[in-house]
């Protein structure tokens, strides 16, 4: 089974450590259900990063599908966040550059046997778009909802 992951950046969750633990627990649960061929992750901070790290920890091959090349994608990132992405890229079996956020989100939904969404239910942004693509392609969805940060309503931008 190929499992794609989508979800929010850490700051959009009320408790980022709970969100990270949820990703790890969900990955572990999936491993116990059936053999996993690979994870597909989008390279963003938060759920994508945590899913890539879980893949490494559990020995699941994974592909990172970036929307843009690393310098453009991480232009406003901290050095620590950029280093975590670079570490994931070095450990990935495959790295692809999709040519934009929507194309990355479409590929994740189209190429997966299951899409896992760890998010808050917030409308708009990349997570909601990836879920819409999954519905369009009839890709099964595992919808994991967590509490949003109180500042979520003021957040904007892609990758949320």
Protein backbone atom coordinates (compact mmCIF):
# COMPACT_ATOMS: atom_id res chain seq x y z
CA UNK A 1 0.00 0.00 0.00
CA UNK A 2 1.22 3.49 -0.87
CA UNK A 3 0.25 6.02 1.81
CA UNK A 4 0.38 9.76 1.15
CA UNK A 5 0.35 12.26 4.00
CA UNK A 6 -1.06 15.75 4.20
CA UNK A 7 -1.60 18.14 7.07
CA UNK A 8 -0.69 21.39 8.70
CA UNK A 9 2.46 23.13 9.79
CA UNK A 10 3.20 22.85 13.54
CA UNK A 11 1.98 26.34 14.43
CA UNK A 12 -1.54 25.61 13.21
CA UNK A 13 -2.12 22.92 15.84
CA UNK A 14 -3.03 23.77 19.42
CA UNK A 15 -0.36 21.28 20.51
CA UNK A 16 2.33 20.46 17.96
CA UNK A 17 3.79 17.66 20.10
CA UNK A 18 0.40 15.92 20.16
CA UNK A 19 0.14 16.36 16.39
CA UNK A 20 3.59 14.82 15.90
CA UNK A 21 2.74 11.90 18.19
CA UNK A 22 -0.50 11.40 16.26
CA UNK A 23 1.44 11.10 12.99
CA UNK A 24 3.81 8.55 14.55
CA UNK A 25 0.94 6.58 16.11
CA UNK A 26 -0.98 6.58 12.83
CA UNK A 27 2.09 5.36 10.92
CA UNK A 28 2.59 2.58 13.48
CA UNK A 29 -1.07 1.61 13.23
CA UNK A 30 -0.88 1.43 9.43
CA UNK A 31 2.20 -0.79 9.66
CA UNK A 32 0.28 -3.26 11.81
CA UNK A 33 -2.66 -3.37 9.38
CA UNK A 34 -0.86 -4.38 6.18
CA UNK A 35 2.50 -4.18 4.42
CA UNK A 36 3.38 -0.67 3.31
CA UNK A 37 5.15 -0.15 0.01
CA UNK A 38 5.99 3.49 0.69
CA UNK A 39 5.00 6.85 2.09
CA UNK A 40 4.55 9.93 -0.09
CA UNK A 41 5.18 13.25 1.65
CA UNK A 42 5.11 16.83 0.42
CA UNK A 43 8.19 18.20 2.21
CA UNK A 44 6.40 20.88 4.24
CA UNK A 45 7.12 21.57 7.90
CA UNK A 46 4.87 19.70 10.31
CA UNK A 47 2.92 16.64 9.19
CA UNK A 48 5.03 16.03 6.07
CA UNK A 49 8.27 16.22 8.08
CA UNK A 50 6.91 14.03 10.88
CA UNK A 51 5.68 11.41 8.39
CA UNK A 52 9.10 11.32 6.71
CA UNK A 53 10.77 10.89 10.10
CA UNK A 54 8.32 8.11 10.98
CA UNK A 55 9.16 6.40 7.69
CA UNK A 56 12.85 6.47 8.63
CA UNK A 57 12.13 5.21 12.17
CA UNK A 58 9.90 2.37 10.94
CA UNK A 59 11.95 1.44 7.88
CA UNK A 60 9.30 2.43 5.34
CA UNK A 61 10.65 3.68 1.99
CA UNK A 62 9.43 7.18 1.21
CA UNK A 63 9.27 9.69 -1.60
CA UNK A 64 9.34 13.45 -1.06
CA UNK A 65 7.34 15.38 -3.65
CA UNK A 66 8.38 19.03 -3.42
CA UNK A 67 6.36 21.81 -5.03
CA UNK A 68 9.53 23.73 -5.99
CA UNK A 69 13.27 23.24 -5.71
CA UNK A 70 14.64 23.52 -2.18
CA UNK A 71 15.97 27.12 -2.30
CA UNK A 72 12.64 28.49 -3.55
CA UNK A 73 10.50 26.24 -1.35
CA UNK A 74 12.40 27.07 1.85
CA UNK A 75 13.11 30.73 1.19
CA UNK A 76 11.44 31.95 4.42
CA UNK A 77 12.29 28.90 6.57
CA UNK A 78 14.61 28.86 9.55
CA UNK A 79 17.95 27.12 9.15
CA UNK A 80 16.77 24.38 11.52
CA UNK A 81 13.64 23.67 9.44
CA UNK A 82 15.65 23.71 6.20
CA UNK A 83 18.20 21.30 7.70
CA UNK A 84 15.41 18.89 8.71
CA UNK A 85 14.11 18.94 5.13
CA UNK A 86 17.60 18.36 3.74
CA UNK A 87 18.02 15.41 6.12
CA UNK A 88 14.71 13.95 4.91
CA UNK A 89 15.75 14.42 1.29
CA UNK A 90 19.04 12.62 1.96
CA UNK A 91 17.16 9.66 3.50
CA UNK A 92 14.37 9.51 0.91
CA UNK A 93 14.33 6.79 -1.73
CA UNK A 94 13.17 9.34 -4.26
CA UNK A 95 12.80 13.13 -4.47
CA UNK A 96 10.60 14.75 -7.08
CA UNK A 97 9.88 18.40 -7.86
CA UNK A 98 6.29 18.79 -9.01
CA UNK A 99 6.29 22.33 -10.35
CA UNK A 100 3.90 24.04 -7.93
CA UNK A 101 1.79 23.46 -4.86
CA UNK A 102 -1.33 22.33 -6.68
CA UNK A 103 0.59 19.88 -8.83
CA UNK A 104 2.32 18.45 -5.75
CA UNK A 105 -1.01 18.08 -3.97
CA UNK A 106 -2.59 16.46 -7.03
CA UNK A 107 0.28 13.95 -7.32
CA UNK A 108 0.03 12.99 -3.64
CA UNK A 109 -3.69 12.28 -3.98
CA UNK A 110 -3.46 10.56 -7.36
CA UNK A 111 -0.57 8.22 -6.58
CA UNK A 112 -1.71 7.01 -3.16
CA UNK A 113 -3.78 4.01 -2.18
CA UNK A 114 -4.64 5.93 1.00
CA UNK A 115 -4.33 9.61 1.95
CA UNK A 116 -3.81 10.32 5.64
CA UNK A 117 -4.80 13.86 6.63
CA UNK A 118 -3.70 15.05 10.06
CA UNK A 119 -5.26 18.48 10.32
CA UNK A 120 -7.74 20.75 12.05
CA UNK A 121 -10.48 20.87 9.41
CA UNK A 122 -9.44 24.37 8.37
CA UNK A 123 -10.83 25.36 4.98
CA UNK A 124 -8.45 26.55 2.29
CA UNK A 125 -4.75 25.86 1.90
CA UNK A 126 -2.80 22.87 0.71
CA UNK A 127 -4.32 20.27 3.02
CA UNK A 128 -7.87 21.07 1.95
CA UNK A 129 -6.78 21.10 -1.69
CA UNK A 130 -5.08 17.69 -1.35
CA UNK A 131 -8.24 16.28 0.25
CA UNK A 132 -10.34 17.67 -2.62
CA UNK A 133 -8.02 15.98 -5.13
CA UNK A 134 -8.32 12.69 -3.20
CA UNK A 135 -12.11 12.93 -3.38
CA UNK A 136 -11.88 13.63 -7.11
CA UNK A 137 -9.68 10.54 -7.64
CA UNK A 138 -11.70 8.37 -5.20
CA UNK A 139 -8.56 7.88 -3.10
CA UNK A 140 -9.56 6.61 0.35
CA UNK A 141 -8.95 9.13 3.13
CA UNK A 142 -8.05 8.61 6.77
CA UNK A 143 -9.19 11.88 8.32
CA UNK A 144 -7.50 12.65 11.65
CA UNK A 145 -8.77 15.89 13.21
CA UNK A 146 -6.92 17.72 15.95
CA UNK A 147 -7.56 20.98 17.80
CA UNK A 148 -6.46 24.14 16.02
CA UNK A 149 -4.25 26.81 17.48
CA UNK A 150 -6.23 29.87 18.61
CA UNK A 151 -4.24 31.93 16.07
CA UNK A 152 -5.20 29.67 13.15
CA UNK A 153 -7.80 32.09 11.87
CA UNK A 154 -5.09 34.70 11.37
CA UNK A 155 -2.72 32.40 9.47
CA UNK A 156 -2.44 32.63 5.70
CA UNK A 157 -0.37 31.12 2.96
CA UNK A 158 0.26 27.84 1.20
CA UNK A 159 1.25 24.62 2.90
CA UNK A 160 -1.27 25.00 5.67
